[in-house]
Amino acid sequence: MTTATSTTDEDEIRLLLVDDHAIVRQGLRSVLQREEGIRVVGEAEDAARAKELVAELSPQMVCLDLKLSTSSDSEGIALCEELTTLHPDIAVLVLTTFLDERLVLRAIRAGARGYVVKDVDTSGLVRAIREVSRGGSAFDARSAAAMVRGLHGAEEEQPKELTSRELEVLRLLASGLSNSKIGAELFISETTAKFHVGNILRKLGVSRRAEAVYAASKAGLL
């Protein structure tokens, strides 16, 4: 379920909450609506509804979880990149349970201005919202440390070169084909196709097929 309200007070920070758990959104709304100068103008449980509400309500900020479905732990990163590309004036603050240097870096590269872990206290969250709304950036101590670790390891995390066969498999994988269908297209066994897919995931430094497509696209391989 999604909800939306409106406000005409230009001094308020107009905030959209995006989280797949209703109880989390309700808790955040309850906490934030008591803060002066912050107004939660809407809630969305998934990427599609978030994009609708951004277009409808024109919020200044989006408070975004990275996990918006059971199928991916980082669907929010793709949404962050889409929102910041289509709406450059919107500030995105990631509020998530995941603390991983690769995710922090990916979120920042996707346009997020801040990254805060969900067990942050209310005052820390409010400070992050206000700082990001002013055009700054906000990271709690752990996400900042993760970002530093990620930056130090960024060179090592660059995609390793794929073979010509792996590139063929990657293109079919990006089209949504299963291992068996990839094998049929390339006249190889399903086991061999699975082997190539595994190598692609390892070389791109990801664990899921969708993440491989995202990483390959960013690296210019697709």
N, C-alpha and C. Protein backbone atom coordinates (compact mmCIF):
# COMPACT_ATOMS: atom_id res chain seq x y z
N MET A 1 0.84 -1.19 0.00
CA MET A 1 0.00 0.00 0.00
C MET A 1 0.87 1.23 0.00
N THR A 2 0.49 2.27 -0.74
CA THR A 2 1.23 3.51 -0.76
C THR A 2 0.32 4.63 -0.33
N THR A 3 0.93 5.69 0.22
CA THR A 3 0.15 6.84 0.62
C THR A 3 0.85 8.08 0.15
N ALA A 4 0.12 9.17 0.01
CA ALA A 4 0.72 10.42 -0.43
C ALA A 4 -0.03 11.57 0.19
N THR A 5 0.71 12.62 0.59
CA THR A 5 0.11 13.84 1.10
C THR A 5 0.81 14.98 0.41
N SER A 6 0.33 16.19 0.58
CA SER A 6 0.95 17.33 -0.09
C SER A 6 1.15 18.46 0.89
N THR A 7 2.06 19.38 0.56
CA THR A 7 2.33 20.55 1.37
C THR A 7 2.76 21.68 0.47
N THR A 8 2.50 22.91 0.88
CA THR A 8 2.89 24.07 0.08
C THR A 8 3.97 24.89 0.79
N ASP A 9 4.45 24.43 1.91
CA ASP A 9 5.46 25.16 2.67
C ASP A 9 6.82 24.98 2.02
N GLU A 10 7.33 26.05 1.42
CA GLU A 10 8.60 25.95 0.68
C GLU A 10 9.80 25.76 1.60
N ASP A 11 9.64 26.06 2.88
CA ASP A 11 10.75 25.92 3.81
C ASP A 11 10.92 24.48 4.28
N GLU A 12 9.95 23.63 4.06
CA GLU A 12 10.02 22.25 4.52
C GLU A 12 10.79 21.37 3.54
N ILE A 13 11.45 20.37 4.09
CA ILE A 13 12.10 19.35 3.27
C ILE A 13 11.03 18.33 2.90
N ARG A 14 10.71 18.27 1.62
CA ARG A 14 9.69 17.34 1.13
C ARG A 14 10.35 16.00 0.85
N LEU A 15 9.95 14.99 1.62
CA LEU A 15 10.67 13.71 1.63
C LEU A 15 9.75 12.57 1.20
N LEU A 16 10.26 11.74 0.29
CA LEU A 16 9.57 10.52 -0.12
C LEU A 16 10.29 9.32 0.48
N LEU A 17 9.53 8.43 1.13
CA LEU A 17 10.09 7.22 1.71
C LEU A 17 9.89 6.05 0.75
N VAL A 18 10.97 5.31 0.48
CA VAL A 18 10.88 4.15 -0.41
C VAL A 18 11.46 2.94 0.31
N ASP A 19 10.59 2.04 0.70
CA ASP A 19 11.00 0.84 1.45
C ASP A 19 9.93 -0.21 1.22
N ASP A 20 10.34 -1.48 1.03
CA ASP A 20 9.35 -2.51 0.74
C ASP A 20 8.58 -2.98 1.96
N HIS A 21 8.96 -2.54 3.17
CA HIS A 21 8.26 -2.94 4.38
C HIS A 21 7.39 -1.80 4.89
N ALA A 22 6.08 -2.03 4.94
CA ALA A 22 5.15 -0.99 5.38
C ALA A 22 5.44 -0.55 6.81
N ILE A 23 5.80 -1.48 7.66
CA ILE A 23 6.04 -1.13 9.06
C ILE A 23 7.24 -0.21 9.21
N VAL A 24 8.24 -0.39 8.34
CA VAL A 24 9.41 0.50 8.36
C VAL A 24 9.01 1.90 7.90
N ARG A 25 8.24 1.97 6.81
CA ARG A 25 7.80 3.27 6.32
C ARG A 25 6.96 3.99 7.35
N GLN A 26 6.05 3.25 8.00
CA GLN A 26 5.18 3.86 9.01
C GLN A 26 5.99 4.35 10.20
N GLY A 27 7.00 3.56 10.60
CA GLY A 27 7.85 3.97 11.70
C GLY A 27 8.65 5.22 11.37
N LEU A 28 9.20 5.26 10.16
CA LEU A 28 9.96 6.44 9.74
C LEU A 28 9.08 7.67 9.67
N ARG A 29 7.89 7.50 9.10
CA ARG A 29 6.96 8.63 9.01
C ARG A 29 6.62 9.15 10.41
N SER A 30 6.34 8.23 11.33
CA SER A 30 5.98 8.62 12.70
C SER A 30 7.09 9.42 13.36
N VAL A 31 8.33 8.99 13.13
CA VAL A 31 9.48 9.69 13.73
C VAL A 31 9.73 11.03 13.05
N LEU A 32 9.74 11.04 11.73
CA LEU A 32 10.15 12.24 10.99
C LEU A 32 9.10 13.34 10.99
N GLN A 33 7.82 12.97 11.07
CA GLN A 33 6.80 14.01 11.03
C GLN A 33 6.79 14.85 12.30
N ARG A 34 7.50 14.40 13.34
CA ARG A 34 7.62 15.20 14.56
C ARG A 34 8.76 16.21 14.47
N GLU A 35 9.58 16.08 13.42
CA GLU A 35 10.73 16.97 13.27
C GLU A 35 10.33 18.24 12.50
N GLU A 36 10.68 19.37 13.05
CA GLU A 36 10.36 20.64 12.40
C GLU A 36 11.09 20.75 11.07
N GLY A 37 10.36 21.17 10.06
CA GLY A 37 10.97 21.42 8.76
C GLY A 37 11.10 20.19 7.88
N ILE A 38 10.58 19.04 8.31
CA ILE A 38 10.62 17.82 7.50
C ILE A 38 9.19 17.34 7.30
N ARG A 39 8.80 17.13 6.07
CA ARG A 39 7.46 16.61 5.79
C ARG A 39 7.57 15.40 4.87
N VAL A 40 7.04 14.28 5.33
CA VAL A 40 6.97 13.08 4.49
C VAL A 40 5.78 13.24 3.57
N VAL A 41 6.03 13.41 2.29
CA VAL A 41 4.95 13.67 1.34
C VAL A 41 4.42 12.41 0.69
N GLY A 42 5.12 11.31 0.84
CA GLY A 42 4.63 10.08 0.24
C GLY A 42 5.45 8.87 0.64
N GLU A 43 4.88 7.69 0.38
CA GLU A 43 5.54 6.42 0.66
C GLU A 43 5.38 5.51 -0.54
N ALA A 44 6.43 4.76 -0.85
CA ALA A 44 6.35 3.80 -1.95
C ALA A 44 7.01 2.50 -1.52
N GLU A 45 6.41 1.39 -1.96
CA GLU A 45 6.95 0.09 -1.57
C GLU A 45 7.83 -0.53 -2.64
N ASP A 46 7.87 0.05 -3.84
CA ASP A 46 8.69 -0.51 -4.90
C ASP A 46 9.13 0.58 -5.87
N ALA A 47 9.96 0.20 -6.81
CA ALA A 47 10.54 1.18 -7.73
C ALA A 47 9.49 1.83 -8.61
N ALA A 48 8.53 1.03 -9.10
CA ALA A 48 7.52 1.58 -10.01
C ALA A 48 6.70 2.66 -9.31
N ARG A 49 6.27 2.39 -8.09
CA ARG A 49 5.47 3.37 -7.36
C ARG A 49 6.32 4.58 -6.98
N ALA A 50 7.57 4.35 -6.66
CA ALA A 50 8.46 5.47 -6.32
C ALA A 50 8.57 6.44 -7.49
N LYS A 51 8.73 5.91 -8.70
CA LYS A 51 8.86 6.78 -9.87
C LYS A 51 7.56 7.55 -10.13
N GLU A 52 6.44 6.89 -9.89
CA GLU A 52 5.15 7.57 -10.04
C GLU A 52 5.03 8.74 -9.07
N LEU A 53 5.39 8.49 -7.81
CA LEU A 53 5.24 9.52 -6.79
C LEU A 53 6.24 10.66 -6.96
N VAL A 54 7.43 10.35 -7.44
CA VAL A 54 8.40 11.42 -7.71
C VAL A 54 7.85 12.35 -8.78
N ALA A 55 7.28 11.78 -9.83
CA ALA A 55 6.70 12.61 -10.89
C ALA A 55 5.48 13.39 -10.41
N GLU A 56 4.71 12.78 -9.52
CA GLU A 56 3.48 13.40 -9.04
C GLU A 56 3.72 14.45 -7.97
N LEU A 57 4.65 14.19 -7.05
CA LEU A 57 4.80 15.03 -5.86
C LEU A 57 6.03 15.94 -5.87
N SER A 58 6.99 15.67 -6.76
CA SER A 58 8.22 16.47 -6.85
C SER A 58 8.88 16.66 -5.49
N PRO A 59 9.22 15.58 -4.79
CA PRO A 59 9.89 15.72 -3.50
C PRO A 59 11.31 16.25 -3.68
N GLN A 60 11.83 16.89 -2.63
CA GLN A 60 13.23 17.35 -2.66
C GLN A 60 14.19 16.21 -2.40
N MET A 61 13.73 15.24 -1.60
CA MET A 61 14.59 14.13 -1.20
C MET A 61 13.86 12.81 -1.30
N VAL A 62 14.64 11.76 -1.51
CA VAL A 62 14.13 10.40 -1.45
C VAL A 62 14.98 9.64 -0.45
N CYS A 63 14.31 9.05 0.54
CA CYS A 63 14.99 8.19 1.51
C CYS A 63 14.76 6.76 1.04
N LEU A 64 15.81 6.08 0.63
CA LEU A 64 15.70 4.88 -0.20
C LEU A 64 16.40 3.67 0.41
N ASP A 65 15.65 2.57 0.52
CA ASP A 65 16.26 1.29 0.89
C ASP A 65 16.83 0.65 -0.37
N LEU A 66 17.90 -0.13 -0.22
CA LEU A 66 18.49 -0.80 -1.38
C LEU A 66 17.73 -2.05 -1.76
N LYS A 67 17.10 -2.70 -0.79
CA LYS A 67 16.38 -3.95 -1.05
C LYS A 67 14.89 -3.63 -1.16
N LEU A 68 14.37 -3.75 -2.38
CA LEU A 68 12.97 -3.41 -2.62
C LEU A 68 12.15 -4.63 -3.04
N SER A 69 12.77 -5.80 -3.03
CA SER A 69 12.05 -7.02 -3.37
C SER A 69 12.87 -8.20 -2.85
N THR A 70 12.28 -9.39 -2.92
CA THR A 70 12.99 -10.59 -2.46
C THR A 70 13.99 -11.09 -3.49
N SER A 71 13.94 -10.54 -4.71
CA SER A 71 14.79 -11.06 -5.78
C SER A 71 16.18 -10.44 -5.82
N SER A 72 16.38 -9.31 -5.15
CA SER A 72 17.67 -8.62 -5.22
C SER A 72 17.92 -7.84 -3.95
N ASP A 73 19.20 -7.77 -3.57
CA ASP A 73 19.59 -7.00 -2.40
C ASP A 73 19.99 -5.58 -2.76
N SER A 74 19.94 -5.23 -4.03
CA SER A 74 20.42 -3.90 -4.42
C SER A 74 19.58 -3.28 -5.53
N GLU A 75 18.30 -3.62 -5.60
CA GLU A 75 17.42 -3.05 -6.61
C GLU A 75 17.35 -1.53 -6.48
N GLY A 76 17.51 -1.05 -5.23
CA GLY A 76 17.45 0.38 -4.99
C GLY A 76 18.55 1.16 -5.70
N ILE A 77 19.67 0.52 -6.00
CA ILE A 77 20.76 1.21 -6.68
C ILE A 77 20.33 1.60 -8.10
N ALA A 78 19.68 0.68 -8.78
CA ALA A 78 19.20 0.99 -10.14
C ALA A 78 18.16 2.11 -10.08
N LEU A 79 17.29 2.07 -9.08
CA LEU A 79 16.29 3.13 -8.93
C LEU A 79 16.97 4.46 -8.62
N CYS A 80 17.98 4.45 -7.76
CA CYS A 80 18.72 5.66 -7.43
C CYS A 80 19.31 6.29 -8.68
N GLU A 81 19.93 5.47 -9.52
CA GLU A 81 20.56 5.99 -10.73
C GLU A 81 19.51 6.57 -11.69
N GLU A 82 18.38 5.90 -11.78
CA GLU A 82 17.32 6.38 -12.68
C GLU A 82 16.75 7.70 -12.18
N LEU A 83 16.49 7.79 -10.88
CA LEU A 83 15.91 9.01 -10.32
C LEU A 83 16.86 10.19 -10.45
N THR A 84 18.12 9.98 -10.12
CA THR A 84 19.07 11.09 -10.17
C THR A 84 19.40 11.51 -11.60
N THR A 85 19.24 10.60 -12.54
CA THR A 85 19.44 10.94 -13.95
C THR A 85 18.26 11.74 -14.49
N LEU A 86 17.05 11.27 -14.19
CA LEU A 86 15.85 11.92 -14.70
C LEU A 86 15.48 13.18 -13.92
N HIS A 87 15.87 13.22 -12.63
CA HIS A 87 15.52 14.35 -11.76
C HIS A 87 16.77 14.80 -11.02
N PRO A 88 17.66 15.52 -11.68
CA PRO A 88 18.95 15.89 -11.09
C PRO A 88 18.83 16.70 -9.79
N ASP A 89 17.70 17.37 -9.58
CA ASP A 89 17.55 18.19 -8.38
C ASP A 89 17.18 17.37 -7.14
N ILE A 90 16.82 16.12 -7.34
CA ILE A 90 16.43 15.28 -6.20
C ILE A 90 17.67 14.75 -5.49
N ALA A 91 17.65 14.83 -4.16
CA ALA A 91 18.72 14.28 -3.35
C ALA A 91 18.30 12.91 -2.83
N VAL A 92 19.14 11.91 -3.00
CA VAL A 92 18.83 10.57 -2.54
C VAL A 92 19.70 10.21 -1.35
N LEU A 93 19.05 9.80 -0.26
CA LEU A 93 19.74 9.29 0.92
C LEU A 93 19.41 7.82 1.05
N VAL A 94 20.42 6.97 0.99
CA VAL A 94 20.22 5.53 1.16
C VAL A 94 20.11 5.22 2.65
N LEU A 95 19.05 4.51 3.02
CA LEU A 95 18.85 4.05 4.40
C LEU A 95 18.58 2.56 4.32
N THR A 96 19.55 1.75 4.71
CA THR A 96 19.47 0.32 4.44
C THR A 96 20.10 -0.49 5.56
N THR A 97 19.89 -1.80 5.52
CA THR A 97 20.51 -2.70 6.50
C THR A 97 21.86 -3.21 6.00
N PHE A 98 22.15 -3.00 4.73
CA PHE A 98 23.35 -3.58 4.12
C PHE A 98 24.56 -2.64 4.25
N LEU A 99 25.65 -3.17 4.75
CA LEU A 99 26.88 -2.40 4.87
C LEU A 99 28.01 -3.16 4.20
N ASP A 100 28.28 -2.81 2.98
CA ASP A 100 29.30 -3.47 2.17
C ASP A 100 29.97 -2.41 1.32
N GLU A 101 31.29 -2.43 1.27
CA GLU A 101 32.00 -1.35 0.56
C GLU A 101 31.61 -1.26 -0.91
N ARG A 102 31.36 -2.40 -1.53
CA ARG A 102 30.96 -2.35 -2.94
C ARG A 102 29.59 -1.69 -3.11
N LEU A 103 28.67 -2.01 -2.19
CA LEU A 103 27.34 -1.40 -2.28
C LEU A 103 27.39 0.09 -2.02
N VAL A 104 28.21 0.50 -1.04
CA VAL A 104 28.33 1.93 -0.74
C VAL A 104 28.85 2.66 -1.97
N LEU A 105 29.91 2.14 -2.58
CA LEU A 105 30.48 2.79 -3.76
C LEU A 105 29.50 2.79 -4.93
N ARG A 106 28.80 1.69 -5.12
CA ARG A 106 27.83 1.64 -6.21
C ARG A 106 26.71 2.65 -6.00
N ALA A 107 26.28 2.80 -4.74
CA ALA A 107 25.21 3.76 -4.45
C ALA A 107 25.68 5.18 -4.74
N ILE A 108 26.91 5.50 -4.35
CA ILE A 108 27.44 6.84 -4.59
C ILE A 108 27.60 7.08 -6.09
N ARG A 109 28.10 6.09 -6.80
CA ARG A 109 28.26 6.23 -8.25
C ARG A 109 26.90 6.35 -8.95
N ALA A 110 25.86 5.81 -8.31
CA ALA A 110 24.51 5.91 -8.87
C ALA A 110 23.85 7.24 -8.54
N GLY A 111 24.54 8.08 -7.76
CA GLY A 111 24.02 9.41 -7.49
C GLY A 111 23.56 9.68 -6.07
N ALA A 112 23.64 8.68 -5.18
CA ALA A 112 23.24 8.91 -3.78
C ALA A 112 24.17 9.91 -3.12
N ARG A 113 23.60 10.79 -2.30
CA ARG A 113 24.40 11.79 -1.59
C ARG A 113 24.70 11.38 -0.16
N GLY A 114 24.12 10.28 0.27
CA GLY A 114 24.37 9.82 1.62
C GLY A 114 24.04 8.35 1.76
N TYR A 115 24.60 7.71 2.79
CA TYR A 115 24.41 6.28 3.02
C TYR A 115 24.41 6.06 4.51
N VAL A 116 23.27 5.61 5.05
CA VAL A 116 23.13 5.44 6.49
C VAL A 116 22.54 4.06 6.76
N VAL A 117 23.07 3.38 7.76
CA VAL A 117 22.57 2.06 8.14
C VAL A 117 21.34 2.22 9.03
N LYS A 118 20.39 1.31 8.91
CA LYS A 118 19.08 1.48 9.54
C LYS A 118 19.09 1.52 11.06
N ASP A 119 20.14 1.03 11.69
CA ASP A 119 20.14 1.10 13.16
C ASP A 119 20.65 2.45 13.68
N VAL A 120 20.78 3.44 12.79
CA VAL A 120 21.16 4.79 13.21
C VAL A 120 20.07 5.33 14.14
N ASP A 121 20.46 6.17 15.10
CA ASP A 121 19.45 6.75 15.97
C ASP A 121 18.74 7.90 15.27
N THR A 122 17.62 8.35 15.85
CA THR A 122 16.79 9.36 15.21
C THR A 122 17.56 10.64 14.91
N SER A 123 18.35 11.09 15.87
CA SER A 123 19.09 12.34 15.68
C SER A 123 20.09 12.21 14.54
N GLY A 124 20.72 11.04 14.41
CA GLY A 124 21.67 10.83 13.32
C GLY A 124 20.99 10.83 11.98
N LEU A 125 19.81 10.22 11.91
CA LEU A 125 19.06 10.20 10.66
C LEU A 125 18.60 11.60 10.27
N VAL A 126 18.09 12.33 11.23
CA VAL A 126 17.62 13.70 10.96
C VAL A 126 18.77 14.58 10.49
N ARG A 127 19.93 14.45 11.14
CA ARG A 127 21.11 15.22 10.72
C ARG A 127 21.47 14.89 9.28
N ALA A 128 21.42 13.60 8.93
CA ALA A 128 21.76 13.18 7.57
C ALA A 128 20.77 13.77 6.56
N ILE A 129 19.50 13.74 6.90
CA ILE A 129 18.48 14.29 6.00
C ILE A 129 18.71 15.78 5.79
N ARG A 130 18.96 16.51 6.87
CA ARG A 130 19.15 17.95 6.74
C ARG A 130 20.42 18.28 5.95
N GLU A 131 21.48 17.52 6.20
CA GLU A 131 22.74 17.78 5.50
C GLU A 131 22.60 17.52 4.01
N VAL A 132 21.98 16.40 3.66
CA VAL A 132 21.80 16.06 2.25
C VAL A 132 20.88 17.06 1.57
N SER A 133 19.83 17.50 2.29
CA SER A 133 18.89 18.46 1.69
C SER A 133 19.56 19.79 1.38
N ARG A 134 20.64 20.11 2.11
CA ARG A 134 21.37 21.37 1.88
C ARG A 134 22.41 21.23 0.77
N GLY A 135 22.47 20.08 0.16
CA GLY A 135 23.42 19.88 -0.92
C GLY A 135 24.71 19.20 -0.49
N GLY A 136 24.77 18.82 0.81
CA GLY A 136 25.96 18.14 1.31
C GLY A 136 25.84 16.63 1.15
N SER A 137 26.72 15.92 1.84
CA SER A 137 26.68 14.47 1.84
C SER A 137 26.65 13.99 3.28
N ALA A 138 26.18 12.78 3.49
CA ALA A 138 26.04 12.27 4.84
C ALA A 138 26.31 10.77 4.88
N PHE A 139 27.22 10.37 5.75
CA PHE A 139 27.54 8.97 5.96
C PHE A 139 27.72 8.73 7.45
N ASP A 140 27.16 7.62 7.95
CA ASP A 140 27.48 7.29 9.33
C ASP A 140 28.90 6.74 9.36
N ALA A 141 29.42 6.54 10.55
CA ALA A 141 30.83 6.17 10.68
C ALA A 141 31.16 4.88 9.95
N ARG A 142 30.26 3.91 10.01
CA ARG A 142 30.55 2.62 9.39
C ARG A 142 30.47 2.67 7.88
N SER A 143 29.49 3.39 7.34
CA SER A 143 29.39 3.49 5.88
C SER A 143 30.55 4.32 5.32
N ALA A 144 31.00 5.32 6.08
CA ALA A 144 32.16 6.11 5.64
C ALA A 144 33.40 5.23 5.58
N ALA A 145 33.56 4.38 6.61
CA ALA A 145 34.72 3.47 6.62
C ALA A 145 34.63 2.47 5.47
N ALA A 146 33.41 1.99 5.20
CA ALA A 146 33.23 1.05 4.10
C ALA A 146 33.56 1.71 2.77
N MET A 147 33.19 2.98 2.63
CA MET A 147 33.48 3.70 1.40
C MET A 147 34.99 3.84 1.20
N VAL A 148 35.70 4.15 2.29
CA VAL A 148 37.16 4.27 2.20
C VAL A 148 37.78 2.95 1.79
N ARG A 149 37.31 1.86 2.41
CA ARG A 149 37.83 0.54 2.03
C ARG A 149 37.54 0.25 0.56
N GLY A 150 36.34 0.62 0.12
CA GLY A 150 35.97 0.39 -1.27
C GLY A 150 36.82 1.19 -2.23
N LEU A 151 37.12 2.44 -1.87
CA LEU A 151 37.96 3.27 -2.72
C LEU A 151 39.37 2.70 -2.83
N HIS A 152 39.88 2.20 -1.71
CA HIS A 152 41.22 1.61 -1.73
C HIS A 152 41.27 0.36 -2.61
N GLY A 153 40.14 -0.37 -2.63
CA GLY A 153 40.11 -1.61 -3.40
C GLY A 153 39.49 -1.46 -4.77
N ALA A 154 39.16 -0.23 -5.15
CA ALA A 154 38.43 -0.02 -6.41
C ALA A 154 39.20 -0.54 -7.61
N GLU A 155 40.50 -0.31 -7.62
CA GLU A 155 41.29 -0.75 -8.77
C GLU A 155 41.23 -2.25 -8.93
N GLU A 156 41.27 -2.97 -7.78
CA GLU A 156 41.22 -4.42 -7.84
C GLU A 156 39.85 -4.91 -8.29
N GLU A 157 38.82 -4.09 -8.06
CA GLU A 157 37.47 -4.51 -8.37
C GLU A 157 37.07 -4.23 -9.82
N GLN A 158 37.95 -3.63 -10.61
CA GLN A 158 37.62 -3.40 -12.01
C GLN A 158 37.40 -4.74 -12.70
N PRO A 159 36.40 -4.82 -13.58
CA PRO A 159 36.11 -6.09 -14.25
C PRO A 159 37.33 -6.65 -14.96
N LYS A 160 37.57 -7.95 -14.79
CA LYS A 160 38.65 -8.62 -15.49
C LYS A 160 38.19 -8.87 -16.92
N GLU A 161 39.15 -8.99 -17.81
CA GLU A 161 38.83 -9.14 -19.22
C GLU A 161 38.08 -10.43 -19.47
N LEU A 162 36.99 -10.36 -20.23
CA LEU A 162 36.22 -11.54 -20.58
C LEU A 162 36.68 -12.08 -21.92
N THR A 163 36.60 -13.40 -22.06
CA THR A 163 36.95 -14.03 -23.33
C THR A 163 35.83 -13.76 -24.34
N SER A 164 36.11 -14.04 -25.59
CA SER A 164 35.09 -13.83 -26.63
C SER A 164 33.87 -14.71 -26.38
N ARG A 165 34.09 -15.93 -25.92
CA ARG A 165 32.97 -16.81 -25.60
C ARG A 165 32.17 -16.27 -24.42
N GLU A 166 32.86 -15.77 -23.41
CA GLU A 166 32.17 -15.21 -22.25
C GLU A 166 31.35 -13.98 -22.62
N LEU A 167 31.85 -13.20 -23.57
CA LEU A 167 31.09 -12.04 -24.04
C LEU A 167 29.82 -12.49 -24.76
N GLU A 168 29.92 -13.57 -25.53
CA GLU A 168 28.73 -14.10 -26.19
C GLU A 168 27.71 -14.56 -25.16
N VAL A 169 28.19 -15.27 -24.15
CA VAL A 169 27.30 -15.73 -23.08
C VAL A 169 26.69 -14.54 -22.34
N LEU A 170 27.50 -13.52 -22.09
CA LEU A 170 27.04 -12.34 -21.37
C LEU A 170 25.88 -11.67 -22.12
N ARG A 171 26.00 -11.54 -23.42
CA ARG A 171 24.95 -10.89 -24.21
C ARG A 171 23.64 -11.68 -24.14
N LEU A 172 23.75 -12.99 -24.16
CA LEU A 172 22.55 -13.82 -24.06
C LEU A 172 21.98 -13.77 -22.65
N LEU A 173 22.87 -13.74 -21.66
CA LEU A 173 22.44 -13.61 -20.27
C LEU A 173 21.68 -12.31 -20.08
N ALA A 174 22.17 -11.24 -20.71
CA ALA A 174 21.53 -9.93 -20.60
C ALA A 174 20.16 -9.93 -21.25
N SER A 175 19.94 -10.85 -22.19
CA SER A 175 18.63 -10.96 -22.84
C SER A 175 17.65 -11.77 -22.01
N GLY A 176 18.12 -12.26 -20.86
CA GLY A 176 17.24 -12.99 -19.95
C GLY A 176 17.19 -14.49 -20.18
N LEU A 177 18.10 -15.03 -20.98
CA LEU A 177 18.08 -16.46 -21.28
C LEU A 177 18.62 -17.28 -20.11
N SER A 178 18.05 -18.44 -19.93
CA SER A 178 18.52 -19.37 -18.91
C SER A 178 19.79 -20.06 -19.41
N ASN A 179 20.44 -20.81 -18.51
CA ASN A 179 21.65 -21.52 -18.92
C ASN A 179 21.37 -22.52 -20.04
N SER A 180 20.23 -23.20 -19.95
CA SER A 180 19.92 -24.19 -20.98
C SER A 180 19.69 -23.53 -22.34
N LYS A 181 19.03 -22.37 -22.34
CA LYS A 181 18.77 -21.67 -23.60
C LYS A 181 20.05 -21.04 -24.15
N ILE A 182 20.91 -20.57 -23.26
CA ILE A 182 22.21 -20.06 -23.70
C ILE A 182 22.99 -21.18 -24.39
N GLY A 183 22.96 -22.36 -23.76
CA GLY A 183 23.65 -23.50 -24.34
C GLY A 183 23.11 -23.84 -25.72
N ALA A 184 21.78 -23.82 -25.85
CA ALA A 184 21.17 -24.14 -27.14
C ALA A 184 21.55 -23.12 -28.20
N GLU A 185 21.59 -21.84 -27.84
CA GLU A 185 21.95 -20.79 -28.79
C GLU A 185 23.38 -20.92 -29.27
N LEU A 186 24.27 -21.35 -28.37
CA LEU A 186 25.70 -21.40 -28.70
C LEU A 186 26.16 -22.82 -29.03
N PHE A 187 25.22 -23.78 -29.06
CA PHE A 187 25.53 -25.18 -29.36
C PHE A 187 26.56 -25.75 -28.38
N ILE A 188 26.35 -25.44 -27.11
CA ILE A 188 27.17 -25.99 -26.05
C ILE A 188 26.23 -26.59 -25.01
N SER A 189 26.75 -27.40 -24.11
CA SER A 189 25.91 -28.03 -23.10
C SER A 189 25.49 -27.01 -22.04
N GLU A 190 24.41 -27.33 -21.32
CA GLU A 190 23.95 -26.46 -20.24
C GLU A 190 25.03 -26.34 -19.16
N THR A 191 25.76 -27.42 -18.91
CA THR A 191 26.83 -27.40 -17.91
C THR A 191 27.94 -26.43 -18.32
N THR A 192 28.28 -26.45 -19.60
CA THR A 192 29.31 -25.53 -20.09
C THR A 192 28.83 -24.09 -20.00
N ALA A 193 27.56 -23.87 -20.34
CA ALA A 193 27.00 -22.52 -20.24
C ALA A 193 27.05 -22.04 -18.80
N LYS A 194 26.68 -22.93 -17.87
CA LYS A 194 26.72 -22.59 -16.45
C LYS A 194 28.14 -22.25 -16.00
N PHE A 195 29.11 -22.99 -16.54
CA PHE A 195 30.52 -22.73 -16.22
C PHE A 195 30.92 -21.33 -16.68
N HIS A 196 30.52 -20.96 -17.89
CA HIS A 196 30.85 -19.62 -18.42
C HIS A 196 30.16 -18.52 -17.60
N VAL A 197 28.90 -18.75 -17.24
CA VAL A 197 28.18 -17.77 -16.43
C VAL A 197 28.89 -17.58 -15.09
N GLY A 198 29.32 -18.67 -14.48
CA GLY A 198 30.05 -18.58 -13.22
C GLY A 198 31.33 -17.77 -13.35
N ASN A 199 32.05 -17.99 -14.45
CA ASN A 199 33.28 -17.22 -14.70
C ASN A 199 32.97 -15.73 -14.89
N ILE A 200 31.88 -15.44 -15.58
CA ILE A 200 31.49 -14.04 -15.79
C ILE A 200 31.19 -13.36 -14.46
N LEU A 201 30.41 -14.02 -13.61
CA LEU A 201 30.09 -13.44 -12.30
C LEU A 201 31.35 -13.19 -11.49
N ARG A 202 32.26 -14.16 -11.52
CA ARG A 202 33.50 -14.01 -10.75
C ARG A 202 34.35 -12.86 -11.28
N LYS A 203 34.48 -12.77 -12.59
CA LYS A 203 35.32 -11.71 -13.17
C LYS A 203 34.72 -10.32 -12.96
N LEU A 204 33.39 -10.24 -12.93
CA LEU A 204 32.75 -8.94 -12.72
C LEU A 204 32.60 -8.61 -11.24
N GLY A 205 32.94 -9.58 -10.38
CA GLY A 205 32.90 -9.33 -8.94
C GLY A 205 31.49 -9.24 -8.38
N VAL A 206 30.57 -10.02 -8.95
CA VAL A 206 29.18 -9.99 -8.48
C VAL A 206 28.74 -11.43 -8.19
N SER A 207 27.54 -11.55 -7.59
CA SER A 207 27.05 -12.88 -7.22
C SER A 207 25.74 -13.23 -7.90
N ARG A 208 25.12 -12.28 -8.57
CA ARG A 208 23.83 -12.52 -9.21
C ARG A 208 23.87 -12.14 -10.69
N ARG A 209 23.03 -12.78 -11.46
CA ARG A 209 22.99 -12.54 -12.90
C ARG A 209 22.60 -11.09 -13.22
N ALA A 210 21.60 -10.58 -12.50
CA ALA A 210 21.16 -9.20 -12.75
C ALA A 210 22.28 -8.21 -12.44
N GLU A 211 23.03 -8.48 -11.38
CA GLU A 211 24.15 -7.62 -11.04
C GLU A 211 25.24 -7.69 -12.10
N ALA A 212 25.41 -8.85 -12.69
CA ALA A 212 26.39 -9.00 -13.76
C ALA A 212 26.03 -8.13 -14.96
N VAL A 213 24.75 -8.11 -15.30
CA VAL A 213 24.30 -7.29 -16.42
C VAL A 213 24.52 -5.83 -16.11
N TYR A 214 24.20 -5.43 -14.87
CA TYR A 214 24.41 -4.02 -14.46
C TYR A 214 25.90 -3.65 -14.53
N ALA A 215 26.75 -4.51 -13.95
CA ALA A 215 28.18 -4.23 -13.93
C ALA A 215 28.76 -4.20 -15.34
N ALA A 216 28.30 -5.12 -16.18
CA ALA A 216 28.80 -5.16 -17.56
C ALA A 216 28.37 -3.91 -18.33
N SER A 217 27.15 -3.46 -18.09
CA SER A 217 26.67 -2.25 -18.76
C SER A 217 27.50 -1.04 -18.36
N LYS A 218 27.79 -0.94 -17.05
CA LYS A 218 28.60 0.18 -16.55
C LYS A 218 30.01 0.13 -17.11
N ALA A 219 30.50 -1.08 -17.36
CA ALA A 219 31.87 -1.23 -17.87
C ALA A 219 31.92 -1.13 -19.40
N GLY A 220 30.76 -0.93 -20.04
CA GLY A 220 30.74 -0.80 -21.49
C GLY A 220 30.86 -2.10 -22.24
N LEU A 221 30.54 -3.22 -21.56
CA LEU A 221 30.65 -4.51 -22.20
C LEU A 221 29.38 -4.91 -22.93
N LEU A 222 28.31 -4.18 -22.71
CA LEU A 222 27.04 -4.49 -23.38
C LEU A 222 26.58 -3.29 -24.20
